[in-house]
Protein backbone atom coordinates (compact mmCIF):
# COMPACT_ATOMS: atom_id res chain seq x y z
CA UNK A 1 202.72 159.74 113.96
CA UNK A 2 200.82 156.84 115.45
CA UNK A 3 199.91 156.81 119.14
CA UNK A 4 202.82 156.46 121.54
CA UNK A 5 203.26 155.26 125.11
CA UNK A 6 206.22 156.40 127.22
CA UNK A 7 207.16 154.08 130.10
CA UNK A 8 209.50 154.90 132.97
CA UNK A 9 210.98 151.86 134.68
CA UNK A 10 213.11 152.23 137.77
CA UNK A 11 213.26 152.51 141.51
CA UNK A 12 213.61 149.33 143.52
CA UNK A 13 212.05 147.41 140.60
CA UNK A 14 215.55 147.07 139.19
CA UNK A 15 216.41 144.66 142.02
CA UNK A 16 213.14 142.71 141.62
CA UNK A 17 214.36 140.40 138.87
CA UNK A 18 211.06 138.54 138.64
CA UNK A 19 209.14 141.78 138.03
CA UNK A 20 211.82 142.98 135.62
CA UNK A 21 211.76 139.79 133.56
CA UNK A 22 207.95 139.88 133.38
CA UNK A 23 208.00 143.52 132.32
CA UNK A 24 210.59 142.96 129.57
CA UNK A 25 208.76 139.94 128.20
CA UNK A 26 205.40 141.75 128.14
CA UNK A 27 206.83 144.98 126.69
CA UNK A 28 208.65 143.06 123.96
CA UNK A 29 205.37 141.38 123.01
CA UNK A 30 203.12 144.44 122.87
CA UNK A 31 205.81 146.64 121.27
CA UNK A 32 205.28 144.65 118.06
CA UNK A 33 201.81 146.19 117.81
CA UNK A 34 202.18 149.56 119.54
CA UNK A 35 204.85 152.24 119.78
CA UNK A 36 206.79 152.65 123.01
CA UNK A 37 209.69 154.64 124.40
CA UNK A 38 211.26 153.22 127.55
CA UNK A 39 213.02 155.64 129.92
CA UNK A 40 215.02 154.46 132.91
CA UNK A 41 217.14 155.60 135.81
CA UNK A 42 219.08 153.29 138.09
CA UNK A 43 219.68 154.68 141.55
CA UNK A 44 220.45 151.31 143.12
CA UNK A 45 223.06 150.47 140.48
CA UNK A 46 224.59 153.95 140.86
CA UNK A 47 224.88 153.50 144.62
CA UNK A 48 226.48 150.07 144.19
CA UNK A 49 229.05 151.38 141.69
CA UNK A 50 229.88 154.46 143.77
CA UNK A 51 230.64 152.12 146.66
CA UNK A 52 232.64 149.78 144.44
CA UNK A 53 234.83 152.61 143.14
CA UNK A 54 235.04 154.27 146.59
CA UNK A 55 233.44 157.51 145.41
CA UNK A 56 231.93 159.33 148.38
CA UNK A 57 228.35 160.63 148.01
CA UNK A 58 227.47 164.19 148.94
CA UNK A 59 223.90 165.38 149.38
CA UNK A 60 222.37 168.87 149.26
CA UNK A 61 218.93 169.11 150.88
CA UNK A 62 218.49 165.37 150.43
CA UNK A 63 219.47 165.41 146.74
CA UNK A 64 222.67 163.84 145.40
CA UNK A 65 225.42 166.29 144.44
CA UNK A 66 227.00 165.13 141.18
CA UNK A 67 230.67 166.11 140.88
CA UNK A 68 232.92 164.97 137.99
CA UNK A 69 233.86 161.66 139.65
CA UNK A 70 230.25 160.89 140.53
CA UNK A 71 229.10 161.78 137.02
CA UNK A 72 231.53 159.28 135.48
CA UNK A 73 230.12 156.53 137.68
CA UNK A 74 226.51 157.62 137.03
CA UNK A 75 227.01 157.42 133.27
CA UNK A 76 228.76 154.07 133.55
CA UNK A 77 225.94 152.69 135.71
CA UNK A 78 223.10 154.03 133.55
CA UNK A 79 224.40 153.76 129.99
CA UNK A 80 226.95 150.99 130.55
CA UNK A 81 224.98 148.69 132.84
CA UNK A 82 221.24 149.32 133.32
CA UNK A 83 220.61 150.36 129.71
CA UNK A 84 222.45 147.26 128.44
CA UNK A 85 220.50 144.94 130.75
CA UNK A 86 217.11 146.33 129.71
CA UNK A 87 217.94 146.53 126.00
CA UNK A 88 219.40 143.02 125.95
CA UNK A 89 216.40 141.64 127.83
CA UNK A 90 214.00 143.18 125.32
CA UNK A 91 216.00 141.86 122.36
CA UNK A 92 216.07 138.35 123.87
CA UNK A 93 212.28 138.52 124.01
CA UNK A 94 211.98 139.53 120.37
CA UNK A 95 211.83 143.34 120.52
CA UNK A 96 213.77 145.64 118.17
CA UNK A 97 215.22 147.58 121.11
CA UNK A 98 217.95 150.23 120.74
CA UNK A 99 219.75 151.63 123.78
CA UNK A 100 220.58 155.35 123.79
CA UNK A 101 220.73 158.20 126.27
CA UNK A 102 219.26 161.66 126.26
CA UNK A 103 222.57 163.10 125.01
CA UNK A 104 222.57 161.01 121.81
CA UNK A 105 221.49 163.06 118.82
CA UNK A 106 221.21 166.03 121.19
CA UNK A 107 217.84 164.53 122.06
CA UNK A 108 217.52 166.36 125.39
CA UNK A 109 219.11 169.71 126.21
CA UNK A 110 219.27 170.67 129.89
CA UNK A 111 219.80 173.67 132.07
CA UNK A 112 222.32 172.97 134.81
CA UNK A 113 221.11 172.98 138.42
CA UNK A 114 224.41 174.44 139.65
CA UNK A 115 223.86 173.83 143.36
CA UNK A 116 223.71 170.10 142.55
CA UNK A 117 226.78 169.97 140.31
CA UNK A 118 226.41 168.19 136.97
CA UNK A 119 222.64 167.82 137.31
CA UNK A 120 220.27 169.12 134.66
CA UNK A 121 216.63 170.01 134.16
CA UNK A 122 215.34 169.40 130.62
CA UNK A 123 214.54 172.58 128.71
CA UNK A 124 214.31 171.21 125.15
CA UNK A 125 213.47 167.81 123.68
CA UNK A 126 214.65 167.17 120.12
CA UNK A 127 212.40 164.36 118.87
CA UNK A 128 214.28 163.63 115.64
CA UNK A 129 216.39 160.62 116.71
CA UNK A 130 213.53 158.95 118.57
CA UNK A 131 211.18 159.61 115.64
CA UNK A 132 213.64 158.02 113.20
CA UNK A 133 213.93 154.95 115.42
CA UNK A 134 210.18 154.66 115.95
CA UNK A 135 209.43 155.07 112.24
CA UNK A 136 211.92 152.28 111.48
CA UNK A 137 210.19 149.96 113.95
CA UNK A 138 212.65 150.23 116.84
CA UNK A 139 211.90 150.59 120.55
CA UNK A 140 214.14 153.34 122.01
CA UNK A 141 215.49 152.62 125.51
CA UNK A 142 216.68 155.94 126.93
CA UNK A 143 219.06 156.34 129.89
CA UNK A 144 218.61 159.47 132.00
CA UNK A 145 221.79 161.24 130.85
CA UNK A 146 221.78 164.38 128.69
CA UNK A 147 223.76 167.54 127.88
CA UNK A 148 223.47 171.25 128.42
CA UNK A 149 223.68 173.77 125.58
CA UNK A 150 227.51 173.77 125.81
CA UNK A 151 227.68 170.00 125.42
CA UNK A 152 228.53 169.23 129.06
CA UNK A 153 227.08 165.91 130.23
CA UNK A 154 224.35 166.10 132.87
CA UNK A 155 222.63 163.64 135.18
CA UNK A 156 218.81 163.97 134.98
CA UNK A 157 216.02 162.67 137.15
CA UNK A 158 214.45 159.81 135.17
CA UNK A 159 210.87 160.78 136.12
CA UNK A 160 211.47 164.30 134.83
CA UNK A 161 213.05 162.97 131.64
CA UNK A 162 210.11 160.63 130.97
CA UNK A 163 207.64 163.48 131.54
CA UNK A 164 209.54 165.80 129.20
CA UNK A 165 209.70 163.21 126.42
CA UNK A 166 206.03 162.27 126.79
CA UNK A 167 205.02 165.94 126.72
CA UNK A 168 207.13 166.65 123.62
CA UNK A 169 205.47 163.77 121.76
CA UNK A 170 202.02 164.49 123.28
CA UNK A 171 201.97 160.79 124.09
CA UNK A 172 198.75 158.87 124.50
CA UNK A 173 200.03 157.44 127.77
CA UNK A 174 202.87 158.06 130.22
CA UNK A 175 203.32 155.18 132.65
CA UNK A 176 205.48 155.33 135.76
CA UNK A 177 206.12 151.75 136.86
CA UNK A 178 206.97 151.85 140.56
CA UNK A 179 207.15 149.63 143.62
CA UNK A 180 203.78 150.89 144.90
CA UNK A 181 200.35 150.10 143.34
CA UNK A 182 199.38 153.73 142.71
CA UNK A 183 198.17 156.57 144.92
CA UNK A 184 196.50 155.54 148.17
CA UNK A 185 193.46 157.10 149.80
CA UNK A 186 193.29 157.56 153.58
CA UNK A 187 192.24 153.93 153.96
CA UNK A 188 195.38 152.78 152.12
CA UNK A 189 193.39 151.67 149.10
CA UNK A 190 194.46 152.56 145.57
CA UNK A 191 192.63 155.52 144.02
CA UNK A 192 191.69 154.32 140.53
CA UNK A 193 191.38 157.73 138.84
CA UNK A 194 192.32 161.31 139.71
CA UNK A 195 191.20 164.31 137.68
CA UNK A 196 193.88 167.01 137.53
CA UNK A 197 191.46 169.56 138.97
CA UNK A 198 191.19 167.49 142.18
CA UNK A 199 194.92 167.23 142.89
CA UNK A 200 195.17 170.46 144.91
CA UNK A 201 192.45 169.35 147.31
CA UNK A 202 194.03 165.90 147.71
CA UNK A 203 197.34 167.50 148.67
CA UNK A 204 195.66 169.98 151.03
CA UNK A 205 193.75 167.18 152.77
CA UNK A 206 197.00 165.18 153.02
CA UNK A 207 195.71 162.25 150.98
CA UNK A 208 198.73 162.86 148.76
CA UNK A 209 201.86 163.43 150.86
CA UNK A 210 205.65 163.26 150.88
CA UNK A 211 207.47 162.08 147.77
CA UNK A 212 204.21 161.43 145.95
CA UNK A 213 203.52 165.20 145.77
CA UNK A 214 206.24 166.09 143.20
CA UNK A 215 205.42 162.95 141.21
CA UNK A 216 201.71 163.88 141.04
CA UNK A 217 202.54 167.49 140.15
CA UNK A 218 204.71 166.18 137.33
CA UNK A 219 201.80 164.04 136.13
CA UNK A 220 199.48 167.07 136.14
CA UNK A 221 202.03 169.11 134.18
CA UNK A 222 202.32 166.36 131.56
CA UNK A 223 198.52 166.17 131.12
CA UNK A 224 198.35 169.95 130.74
CA UNK A 225 201.05 169.74 128.04
CA UNK A 226 199.11 167.25 125.94
CA UNK A 227 199.67 163.76 127.38
CA UNK A 228 196.23 162.11 127.40
CA UNK A 229 196.70 160.11 130.60
CA UNK A 230 199.43 159.40 133.13
CA UNK A 231 199.64 156.25 135.21
CA UNK A 232 201.38 155.60 138.52
CA UNK A 233 201.34 151.85 138.35
CA UNK A 234 202.42 148.68 140.09
CA UNK A 235 205.54 147.44 138.32
CA UNK A 236 205.12 143.92 139.66
CA UNK A 237 201.83 143.65 137.73
CA UNK A 238 203.66 144.24 134.46
CA UNK A 239 202.86 146.47 131.51
CA UNK A 240 200.31 144.37 129.62
CA UNK A 241 197.49 145.00 132.09
CA UNK A 242 198.46 148.16 133.91
CA UNK A 243 197.14 148.46 137.47
CA UNK A 244 197.36 151.61 139.53
CA UNK A 245 196.17 155.21 139.49
CA UNK A 246 195.44 157.12 136.28
CA UNK A 247 195.66 160.93 136.19
CA UNK A 248 193.74 162.68 133.41
CA UNK A 249 191.70 165.79 132.61
């Protein structure tokens, strides 16, 4: 299979319509020449819908607990709203986009994280459906919903899903488009490149802190599993000329 780039789009970028429109236009253009898989979450849309349907949120150690009512809203927000918006935007800009989720074609099988309810961690990626779409010239747009081995629907972290898919395909690039322009050094300037062997020292010296730690560790894991390079990039700059921090061997 030809080289592939996996892109994760999400976070507060979903409310930055200017950045979103630029991203969709650029991705539609370059997807005619290169292969992409787009993975997305949609936390802001989930929160808005939970409030709209008066479904109370419960958190366990800062992580959302997904009960049956919450799961119904999560799937509606991700597959019914965010996925449709992104897919439609790509099609309007000329891309052959197809919206699916991780549960379609049993593409992603999860192990349930029981303390968080209907939340899963990917344990197996079945590439067949995505490969069929890619070979036929389509751009898969994948919502972060999947199933466990029994067929129960699970909510998945979109970063984790993107990493798992990129690793399964041994993608040339995995790009996390975020609302920050990469990893900062102690002077608040973007670090252009990080070798995976240097990550431990950067965490120990507190250059990498807080929520960036699990994201960087996920990047390192992806590189070790065969992804050539992983980007934490500024979503507002678009996808055509990626700007941010690249993590590689």
